[in-house]
Amino acid sequence: MNYLVIDLEMCRVQKLYKRNYKYASEIIQIGAVLLDERFKKIATLCQYVNPEYGVLDNFIEKLTGIKNYEIKRAPKLTEALEHLVDWIGDREYRVYAWSNSDQLQILREIKAKDIKSDKINIFMDENRWIDYQEVFTQRFHLDRHFSLEEALERAEIEPEGNFHDGLDDAVNTGKLIEKLELNPEYKLVDYALLESDGPLSCTIGDLLGKMQLNIG
């Protein structure tokens, strides 16, 4: 069994597209890390995605470091996802993501864009996907969800690269998974947390999810 760790970055979609696209965000980057059966990193993949409705504004550009020219010359989502599946090959695998927002984002775009692909359908099998943020929360009996940044700190893992870069976030999530899965008795660093009503930081999915359009 192999393990694919995935992280998405997204841009915002203006309300004027509501008739054709109901959602507030659209994928612009897919970061992926392939782990072997011992949760060791064996390969990485970074793909930019050309959005059909979204625009890379200054806020998202500064947050992610993604440049407009990188997404303008990138493939559309269908091609990017099919390339990801081809890259995985014929391995048996599960998909890990930090929270379920990435899985939901892909499912929303598949529906909104009427994407028809057997490869992508197999990839999106709900039994394949694992929300590792929820695994982390339940394992350590936490009363709230931690951000990836906070989880890494509590697990004594030095992060690589930059947060909100799809590949870097996938790499760091993979490091966390490796440490915790290979050390079932591991205990988080115990220190007084800062007063907070929620995570110290969040994913782009969390940020843009707060701006989700009403689709009822």
Foldseek 3Di string as FASTA:
>chain_A
DKEKEKFWFWAAFDPVCCVLAQWGIATFKIKIFIAPPLLHTDDIDIFGAADPGGDHDPVSCVQAVDDPVRHVPGYHPLVVLLVVLVVVPPDDYAYEYAACLVLVNVVSCCVSVVDDDPSVVVVSPVVRYDHVQVVVCVLQVHPAGEALVVLCVQQVHDFPDHPNHTNSSRVSVSVSCSVCVVCVPDDTRDDDDDDDPHYPDHYNSVVSVVVTGDPD
